[in-house]
Amino acid sequence: MKAVVQRVSQASVTIEGITVASINEGLLVLVGIINEDTSLDIEWLVNKIVNLRIFGDENDVMNRSIIDINGDAIIVSQFTLHANTKKGNRPSYIKAAKPDVAIPLYEAFVKRFEMVLGKKVGTGKFGADMKMALLNDGPVTIIIDTKHKE
């Protein structure tokens, strides 16, 4: 499981002209799933993200997590995070899990994130053509891969 975590001042997701999620201070999390991902990946990744100390404290030092600031989140499934660009110019998405595997894992990820965060999060719609708007704060963007825990 791979995630791109962006600290945002605001973010939103729009589908067919309708805003389906909107937040102010918090995180926009893009999640890519492969067939080998399990509930262990979900548990590890959710705990890592919600405890990342990437929000400023009273001295403007990144010492606070999304929990500490009572921030909000939007989580969007994004299979293109597993693009393979090794050969040619057309990315291959063969590593990305098919919907029958990815949807239940994505939904479990969202549910676990909400439980740990203690509040509902915004989401996109799996497989939809979504438009995302964000104001990346910092900018702070972190890539996390459960298969390469660095």
N, C-alpha and C. Protein backbone atom coordinates (compact mmCIF):
# COMPACT_ATOMS: atom_id res chain seq x y z
N MET A 1 0.86 -1.17 0.00
CA MET A 1 0.00 0.00 0.00
C MET A 1 0.91 1.23 0.00
N LYS A 2 0.55 2.15 -0.83
CA LYS A 2 1.34 3.36 -0.97
C LYS A 2 0.44 4.56 -0.73
N ALA A 3 1.00 5.58 -0.05
CA ALA A 3 0.21 6.79 0.21
C ALA A 3 1.04 8.02 -0.07
N VAL A 4 0.38 9.03 -0.61
CA VAL A 4 0.94 10.37 -0.73
C VAL A 4 0.14 11.22 0.25
N VAL A 5 0.85 11.76 1.25
CA VAL A 5 0.22 12.52 2.32
C VAL A 5 0.59 13.99 2.12
N GLN A 6 -0.43 14.84 1.98
CA GLN A 6 -0.18 16.26 1.77
C GLN A 6 -0.84 17.06 2.89
N ARG A 7 -0.02 17.89 3.55
CA ARG A 7 -0.55 18.80 4.56
C ARG A 7 -1.21 19.95 3.80
N VAL A 8 -2.47 20.21 4.13
CA VAL A 8 -3.22 21.23 3.38
C VAL A 8 -3.85 22.26 4.29
N SER A 9 -4.00 23.47 3.73
CA SER A 9 -4.79 24.51 4.39
C SER A 9 -6.24 24.35 4.01
N GLN A 10 -6.46 23.79 2.82
CA GLN A 10 -7.81 23.46 2.36
C GLN A 10 -7.68 22.48 1.21
N ALA A 11 -8.72 21.67 1.04
CA ALA A 11 -8.76 20.70 -0.05
C ALA A 11 -10.20 20.31 -0.32
N SER A 12 -10.45 19.89 -1.56
CA SER A 12 -11.80 19.44 -1.91
C SER A 12 -11.71 18.44 -3.06
N VAL A 13 -12.77 17.64 -3.15
CA VAL A 13 -12.92 16.67 -4.24
C VAL A 13 -14.27 16.92 -4.89
N THR A 14 -14.24 17.04 -6.21
CA THR A 14 -15.46 17.29 -6.98
C THR A 14 -15.64 16.17 -8.00
N ILE A 15 -16.87 15.67 -8.11
CA ILE A 15 -17.22 14.64 -9.10
C ILE A 15 -18.41 15.15 -9.88
N GLU A 16 -18.26 15.22 -11.19
CA GLU A 16 -19.32 15.69 -12.08
C GLU A 16 -19.91 17.03 -11.61
N GLY A 17 -19.02 17.93 -11.21
CA GLY A 17 -19.43 19.27 -10.82
C GLY A 17 -19.98 19.40 -9.40
N ILE A 18 -20.03 18.30 -8.65
CA ILE A 18 -20.55 18.32 -7.28
C ILE A 18 -19.41 18.09 -6.31
N THR A 19 -19.24 19.00 -5.35
CA THR A 19 -18.20 18.83 -4.33
C THR A 19 -18.67 17.76 -3.36
N VAL A 20 -17.90 16.65 -3.29
CA VAL A 20 -18.27 15.53 -2.43
C VAL A 20 -17.49 15.52 -1.12
N ALA A 21 -16.42 16.29 -1.04
CA ALA A 21 -15.64 16.39 0.20
C ALA A 21 -14.91 17.71 0.19
N SER A 22 -14.82 18.32 1.37
CA SER A 22 -14.14 19.60 1.50
C SER A 22 -13.64 19.74 2.93
N ILE A 23 -12.38 20.16 3.09
CA ILE A 23 -11.82 20.37 4.42
C ILE A 23 -11.00 21.65 4.44
N ASN A 24 -10.71 22.10 5.64
CA ASN A 24 -9.75 23.17 5.84
C ASN A 24 -8.46 22.50 6.32
N GLU A 25 -7.88 22.93 7.41
CA GLU A 25 -6.58 22.41 7.84
C GLU A 25 -6.63 20.89 8.09
N GLY A 26 -5.68 20.19 7.48
CA GLY A 26 -5.63 18.75 7.67
C GLY A 26 -4.77 18.08 6.62
N LEU A 27 -5.20 16.88 6.23
CA LEU A 27 -4.44 16.07 5.29
C LEU A 27 -5.29 15.63 4.11
N LEU A 28 -4.68 15.67 2.93
CA LEU A 28 -5.22 15.03 1.74
C LEU A 28 -4.35 13.81 1.52
N VAL A 29 -4.96 12.62 1.59
CA VAL A 29 -4.21 11.36 1.49
C VAL A 29 -4.66 10.61 0.24
N LEU A 30 -3.71 10.36 -0.65
CA LEU A 30 -3.95 9.55 -1.84
C LEU A 30 -3.43 8.15 -1.53
N VAL A 31 -4.24 7.12 -1.79
CA VAL A 31 -3.88 5.75 -1.42
C VAL A 31 -3.92 4.85 -2.65
N GLY A 32 -2.81 4.12 -2.87
CA GLY A 32 -2.73 3.14 -3.94
C GLY A 32 -2.60 1.74 -3.35
N ILE A 33 -3.35 0.80 -3.90
CA ILE A 33 -3.42 -0.55 -3.34
C ILE A 33 -2.96 -1.58 -4.37
N ILE A 34 -2.20 -2.58 -3.89
CA ILE A 34 -1.79 -3.71 -4.73
C ILE A 34 -2.38 -4.99 -4.17
N ASN A 35 -2.35 -6.07 -4.96
CA ASN A 35 -2.97 -7.34 -4.55
C ASN A 35 -2.40 -7.90 -3.26
N GLU A 36 -1.13 -7.64 -2.98
CA GLU A 36 -0.48 -8.19 -1.80
C GLU A 36 -0.82 -7.46 -0.51
N ASP A 37 -1.52 -6.35 -0.58
CA ASP A 37 -1.84 -5.58 0.62
C ASP A 37 -2.84 -6.33 1.49
N THR A 38 -2.70 -6.13 2.80
CA THR A 38 -3.55 -6.82 3.78
C THR A 38 -3.98 -5.83 4.87
N SER A 39 -4.72 -6.36 5.83
CA SER A 39 -5.14 -5.54 6.97
C SER A 39 -3.93 -5.07 7.77
N LEU A 40 -2.83 -5.80 7.73
CA LEU A 40 -1.61 -5.36 8.42
C LEU A 40 -1.06 -4.09 7.79
N ASP A 41 -1.14 -3.99 6.46
CA ASP A 41 -0.71 -2.77 5.77
C ASP A 41 -1.60 -1.60 6.17
N ILE A 42 -2.90 -1.85 6.25
CA ILE A 42 -3.84 -0.80 6.64
C ILE A 42 -3.51 -0.29 8.03
N GLU A 43 -3.36 -1.21 8.97
CA GLU A 43 -3.09 -0.85 10.36
C GLU A 43 -1.81 -0.02 10.48
N TRP A 44 -0.74 -0.50 9.85
CA TRP A 44 0.54 0.20 9.94
C TRP A 44 0.47 1.58 9.30
N LEU A 45 -0.13 1.65 8.10
CA LEU A 45 -0.17 2.91 7.36
C LEU A 45 -1.06 3.94 8.06
N VAL A 46 -2.22 3.55 8.52
CA VAL A 46 -3.10 4.48 9.23
C VAL A 46 -2.39 5.04 10.46
N ASN A 47 -1.80 4.16 11.25
CA ASN A 47 -1.11 4.62 12.46
C ASN A 47 0.04 5.57 12.12
N LYS A 48 0.76 5.26 11.07
CA LYS A 48 1.87 6.13 10.66
C LYS A 48 1.35 7.51 10.25
N ILE A 49 0.31 7.55 9.44
CA ILE A 49 -0.19 8.83 8.93
C ILE A 49 -0.78 9.69 10.04
N VAL A 50 -1.65 9.13 10.86
CA VAL A 50 -2.32 9.96 11.86
C VAL A 50 -1.36 10.44 12.95
N ASN A 51 -0.23 9.79 13.09
CA ASN A 51 0.75 10.20 14.10
C ASN A 51 1.92 10.99 13.53
N LEU A 52 1.94 11.22 12.21
CA LEU A 52 3.01 12.03 11.62
C LEU A 52 3.00 13.42 12.23
N ARG A 53 4.12 13.82 12.74
CA ARG A 53 4.22 15.16 13.34
C ARG A 53 4.66 16.14 12.26
N ILE A 54 3.68 16.61 11.50
CA ILE A 54 3.98 17.49 10.36
C ILE A 54 3.24 18.83 10.43
N PHE A 55 2.60 19.09 11.57
CA PHE A 55 1.92 20.37 11.77
C PHE A 55 2.70 21.18 12.80
N GLY A 56 2.72 22.48 12.60
CA GLY A 56 3.50 23.37 13.45
C GLY A 56 2.96 23.50 14.86
N ASP A 57 3.91 23.63 15.80
CA ASP A 57 3.54 23.92 17.19
C ASP A 57 3.61 25.43 17.42
N GLU A 58 3.60 25.86 18.68
CA GLU A 58 3.62 27.30 18.99
C GLU A 58 4.90 27.99 18.52
N ASN A 59 5.96 27.21 18.26
CA ASN A 59 7.22 27.77 17.76
C ASN A 59 7.39 27.53 16.26
N ASP A 60 6.30 27.10 15.61
CA ASP A 60 6.28 26.79 14.18
C ASP A 60 7.25 25.65 13.81
N VAL A 61 7.44 24.73 14.75
CA VAL A 61 8.24 23.53 14.52
C VAL A 61 7.25 22.39 14.26
N MET A 62 7.53 21.54 13.27
CA MET A 62 6.64 20.42 12.97
C MET A 62 6.70 19.40 14.10
N ASN A 63 5.79 19.57 15.05
CA ASN A 63 5.76 18.74 16.26
C ASN A 63 4.37 18.17 16.55
N ARG A 64 3.39 18.51 15.74
CA ARG A 64 2.03 18.09 16.01
C ARG A 64 1.49 17.20 14.89
N SER A 65 0.64 16.27 15.29
CA SER A 65 -0.01 15.37 14.33
C SER A 65 -1.40 15.91 13.99
N ILE A 66 -2.05 15.27 13.05
CA ILE A 66 -3.42 15.65 12.70
C ILE A 66 -4.34 15.46 13.90
N ILE A 67 -4.06 14.48 14.74
CA ILE A 67 -4.84 14.28 15.96
C ILE A 67 -4.64 15.46 16.90
N ASP A 68 -3.38 15.87 17.06
CA ASP A 68 -3.06 16.97 17.98
C ASP A 68 -3.76 18.27 17.61
N ILE A 69 -3.91 18.53 16.32
CA ILE A 69 -4.52 19.79 15.89
C ILE A 69 -6.02 19.66 15.63
N ASN A 70 -6.56 18.45 15.84
CA ASN A 70 -7.96 18.16 15.54
C ASN A 70 -8.27 18.50 14.08
N GLY A 71 -7.34 18.12 13.19
CA GLY A 71 -7.49 18.39 11.77
C GLY A 71 -8.43 17.42 11.09
N ASP A 72 -8.75 17.74 9.86
CA ASP A 72 -9.63 16.91 9.05
C ASP A 72 -8.83 16.21 7.95
N ALA A 73 -9.47 15.28 7.27
CA ALA A 73 -8.78 14.54 6.22
C ALA A 73 -9.73 14.19 5.09
N ILE A 74 -9.13 14.09 3.91
CA ILE A 74 -9.80 13.52 2.74
C ILE A 74 -8.90 12.38 2.28
N ILE A 75 -9.51 11.22 2.02
CA ILE A 75 -8.78 10.05 1.54
C ILE A 75 -9.33 9.66 0.17
N VAL A 76 -8.43 9.58 -0.81
CA VAL A 76 -8.83 9.28 -2.18
C VAL A 76 -8.03 8.09 -2.69
N SER A 77 -8.71 7.11 -3.25
CA SER A 77 -8.04 5.97 -3.86
C SER A 77 -7.42 6.41 -5.18
N GLN A 78 -6.17 6.02 -5.40
CA GLN A 78 -5.49 6.43 -6.63
C GLN A 78 -4.56 5.32 -7.12
N PHE A 79 -5.07 4.51 -8.06
CA PHE A 79 -4.30 3.38 -8.57
C PHE A 79 -3.03 3.81 -9.29
N THR A 80 -2.99 5.04 -9.79
CA THR A 80 -1.82 5.50 -10.55
C THR A 80 -0.57 5.64 -9.68
N LEU A 81 -0.71 5.56 -8.36
CA LEU A 81 0.47 5.59 -7.50
C LEU A 81 1.37 4.38 -7.74
N HIS A 82 0.82 3.33 -8.32
CA HIS A 82 1.60 2.13 -8.60
C HIS A 82 2.00 2.03 -10.07
N ALA A 83 2.08 3.17 -10.73
CA ALA A 83 2.49 3.19 -12.13
C ALA A 83 3.94 2.72 -12.27
N ASN A 84 4.16 1.89 -13.28
CA ASN A 84 5.51 1.46 -13.62
C ASN A 84 5.90 2.20 -14.89
N THR A 85 6.96 2.99 -14.83
CA THR A 85 7.39 3.80 -15.97
C THR A 85 8.74 3.35 -16.52
N LYS A 86 9.12 2.13 -16.18
CA LYS A 86 10.45 1.62 -16.57
C LYS A 86 10.61 1.53 -18.09
N LYS A 87 9.59 1.03 -18.78
CA LYS A 87 9.68 0.84 -20.22
C LYS A 87 8.74 1.81 -20.94
N GLY A 88 9.26 2.45 -21.96
CA GLY A 88 8.43 3.31 -22.79
C GLY A 88 7.92 4.54 -22.06
N ASN A 89 6.92 5.16 -22.70
CA ASN A 89 6.36 6.39 -22.14
C ASN A 89 4.92 6.24 -21.65
N ARG A 90 4.35 5.05 -21.84
CA ARG A 90 2.99 4.82 -21.34
C ARG A 90 3.11 4.03 -20.04
N PRO A 91 2.71 4.62 -18.93
CA PRO A 91 2.82 3.90 -17.65
C PRO A 91 2.00 2.62 -17.65
N SER A 92 2.51 1.61 -16.98
CA SER A 92 1.79 0.35 -16.78
C SER A 92 1.23 0.35 -15.37
N TYR A 93 -0.01 -0.08 -15.24
CA TYR A 93 -0.66 -0.11 -13.94
C TYR A 93 -0.93 -1.55 -13.50
N ILE A 94 -0.16 -2.48 -14.02
CA ILE A 94 -0.38 -3.90 -13.76
C ILE A 94 -0.26 -4.26 -12.28
N LYS A 95 0.53 -3.49 -11.52
CA LYS A 95 0.70 -3.78 -10.08
C LYS A 95 -0.51 -3.34 -9.27
N ALA A 96 -1.27 -2.39 -9.77
CA ALA A 96 -2.44 -1.89 -9.02
C ALA A 96 -3.50 -2.97 -8.91
N ALA A 97 -4.08 -3.11 -7.73
CA ALA A 97 -5.11 -4.12 -7.51
C ALA A 97 -6.37 -3.79 -8.30
N LYS A 98 -7.02 -4.83 -8.76
CA LYS A 98 -8.31 -4.68 -9.45
C LYS A 98 -9.38 -4.30 -8.42
N PRO A 99 -10.49 -3.73 -8.86
CA PRO A 99 -11.52 -3.27 -7.93
C PRO A 99 -12.01 -4.30 -6.92
N ASP A 100 -12.11 -5.57 -7.31
CA ASP A 100 -12.62 -6.57 -6.36
C ASP A 100 -11.70 -6.74 -5.14
N VAL A 101 -10.43 -6.43 -5.29
CA VAL A 101 -9.48 -6.46 -4.18
C VAL A 101 -9.34 -5.07 -3.57
N ALA A 102 -9.21 -4.07 -4.42
CA ALA A 102 -8.91 -2.71 -3.96
C ALA A 102 -10.06 -2.05 -3.19
N ILE A 103 -11.28 -2.21 -3.64
CA ILE A 103 -12.40 -1.52 -2.99
C ILE A 103 -12.56 -1.93 -1.52
N PRO A 104 -12.60 -3.24 -1.20
CA PRO A 104 -12.73 -3.59 0.22
C PRO A 104 -11.55 -3.09 1.07
N LEU A 105 -10.33 -3.11 0.52
CA LEU A 105 -9.18 -2.62 1.27
C LEU A 105 -9.24 -1.11 1.44
N TYR A 106 -9.66 -0.40 0.41
CA TYR A 106 -9.81 1.05 0.50
C TYR A 106 -10.86 1.41 1.55
N GLU A 107 -11.99 0.74 1.51
CA GLU A 107 -13.06 1.01 2.48
C GLU A 107 -12.60 0.68 3.90
N ALA A 108 -11.85 -0.40 4.07
CA ALA A 108 -11.31 -0.75 5.39
C ALA A 108 -10.30 0.29 5.86
N PHE A 109 -9.50 0.82 4.92
CA PHE A 109 -8.53 1.86 5.25
C PHE A 109 -9.26 3.10 5.76
N VAL A 110 -10.29 3.52 5.05
CA VAL A 110 -11.07 4.71 5.45
C VAL A 110 -11.70 4.49 6.83
N LYS A 111 -12.32 3.33 7.03
CA LYS A 111 -12.97 3.04 8.30
C LYS A 111 -11.96 3.05 9.45
N ARG A 112 -10.79 2.44 9.24
CA ARG A 112 -9.76 2.40 10.28
C ARG A 112 -9.23 3.81 10.56
N PHE A 113 -9.04 4.61 9.51
CA PHE A 113 -8.56 5.98 9.65
C PHE A 113 -9.54 6.78 10.50
N GLU A 114 -10.83 6.64 10.21
CA GLU A 114 -11.86 7.35 10.97
C GLU A 114 -11.85 6.93 12.44
N MET A 115 -11.67 5.63 12.68
CA MET A 115 -11.67 5.15 14.05
C MET A 115 -10.48 5.72 14.82
N VAL A 116 -9.30 5.72 14.22
CA VAL A 116 -8.11 6.22 14.91
C VAL A 116 -8.16 7.74 15.05
N LEU A 117 -8.63 8.44 14.02
CA LEU A 117 -8.73 9.90 14.06
C LEU A 117 -9.85 10.37 14.99
N GLY A 118 -10.88 9.53 15.12
CA GLY A 118 -12.00 9.89 15.99
C GLY A 118 -13.05 10.76 15.34
N LYS A 119 -13.06 10.77 14.00
CA LYS A 119 -14.08 11.55 13.29
C LYS A 119 -14.18 11.05 11.85
N LYS A 120 -15.26 11.44 11.20
CA LYS A 120 -15.46 11.10 9.79
C LYS A 120 -14.43 11.82 8.94
N VAL A 121 -14.08 11.20 7.82
CA VAL A 121 -13.19 11.83 6.84
C VAL A 121 -13.93 11.93 5.52
N GLY A 122 -13.47 12.86 4.69
CA GLY A 122 -14.02 12.97 3.35
C GLY A 122 -13.38 11.93 2.45
N THR A 123 -14.09 11.55 1.41
CA THR A 123 -13.55 10.59 0.44
C THR A 123 -13.96 11.02 -0.96
N GLY A 124 -13.29 10.41 -1.89
CA GLY A 124 -13.72 10.51 -3.27
C GLY A 124 -14.66 9.34 -3.54
N LYS A 125 -14.77 8.96 -4.80
CA LYS A 125 -15.57 7.79 -5.18
C LYS A 125 -14.68 6.88 -6.00
N PHE A 126 -14.52 5.66 -5.55
CA PHE A 126 -13.63 4.72 -6.21
C PHE A 126 -13.97 4.62 -7.70
N GLY A 127 -12.96 4.81 -8.53
CA GLY A 127 -13.11 4.66 -9.98
C GLY A 127 -13.70 5.86 -10.70
N ALA A 128 -14.12 6.87 -9.96
CA ALA A 128 -14.73 8.05 -10.60
C ALA A 128 -13.65 8.99 -11.14
N ASP A 129 -14.05 9.80 -12.10
CA ASP A 129 -13.18 10.88 -12.59
C ASP A 129 -13.36 12.04 -11.63
N MET A 130 -12.34 12.24 -10.79
CA MET A 130 -12.44 13.25 -9.73
C MET A 130 -11.54 14.44 -10.04
N LYS A 131 -11.98 15.58 -9.59
CA LYS A 131 -11.18 16.80 -9.65
C LYS A 131 -10.84 17.18 -8.22
N MET A 132 -9.57 17.29 -7.93
CA MET A 132 -9.14 17.65 -6.58
C MET A 132 -8.51 19.03 -6.61
N ALA A 133 -8.88 19.83 -5.64
CA ALA A 133 -8.28 21.14 -5.46
C ALA A 133 -7.65 21.15 -4.08
N LEU A 134 -6.45 21.70 -3.99
CA LEU A 134 -5.81 21.75 -2.68
C LEU A 134 -4.87 22.92 -2.60
N LEU A 135 -4.71 23.38 -1.38
CA LEU A 135 -3.71 24.38 -1.07
C LEU A 135 -2.72 23.68 -0.16
N ASN A 136 -1.63 23.20 -0.77
CA ASN A 136 -0.62 22.45 -0.01
C ASN A 136 0.08 23.43 0.91
N ASP A 137 0.09 23.12 2.19
CA ASP A 137 0.63 24.01 3.21
C ASP A 137 2.08 23.66 3.48
N GLY A 138 2.98 24.52 3.08
CA GLY A 138 4.41 24.31 3.33
C GLY A 138 5.27 24.60 2.11
N PRO A 139 5.26 23.80 1.11
CA PRO A 139 4.49 22.57 0.93
C PRO A 139 5.08 21.41 1.74
N VAL A 140 4.19 20.56 2.23
CA VAL A 140 4.60 19.34 2.91
C VAL A 140 3.91 18.19 2.19
N THR A 141 4.71 17.33 1.56
CA THR A 141 4.21 16.16 0.86
C THR A 141 5.12 14.99 1.21
N ILE A 142 4.53 13.91 1.71
CA ILE A 142 5.30 12.75 2.14
C ILE A 142 4.74 11.51 1.46
N ILE A 143 5.65 10.68 0.94
CA ILE A 143 5.28 9.42 0.31
C ILE A 143 5.64 8.29 1.26
N ILE A 144 4.67 7.42 1.51
CA ILE A 144 4.88 6.28 2.42
C ILE A 144 4.48 5.01 1.69
N ASP A 145 5.32 3.99 1.78
CA ASP A 145 5.07 2.70 1.13
C ASP A 145 5.20 1.61 2.19
N THR A 146 4.13 0.84 2.40
CA THR A 146 4.16 -0.19 3.43
C THR A 146 5.13 -1.32 3.10
N LYS A 147 5.51 -1.43 1.85
CA LYS A 147 6.45 -2.49 1.46
C LYS A 147 7.90 -2.04 1.64
N HIS A 148 8.11 -0.75 1.84
CA HIS A 148 9.44 -0.17 2.06
C HIS A 148 9.32 0.80 3.24
N LYS A 149 9.23 0.27 4.41
CA LYS A 149 8.99 1.08 5.61
C LYS A 149 10.22 1.90 5.97
N GLU A 150 10.35 3.05 5.32
CA GLU A 150 11.49 3.93 5.55
C GLU A 150 11.05 5.22 6.20
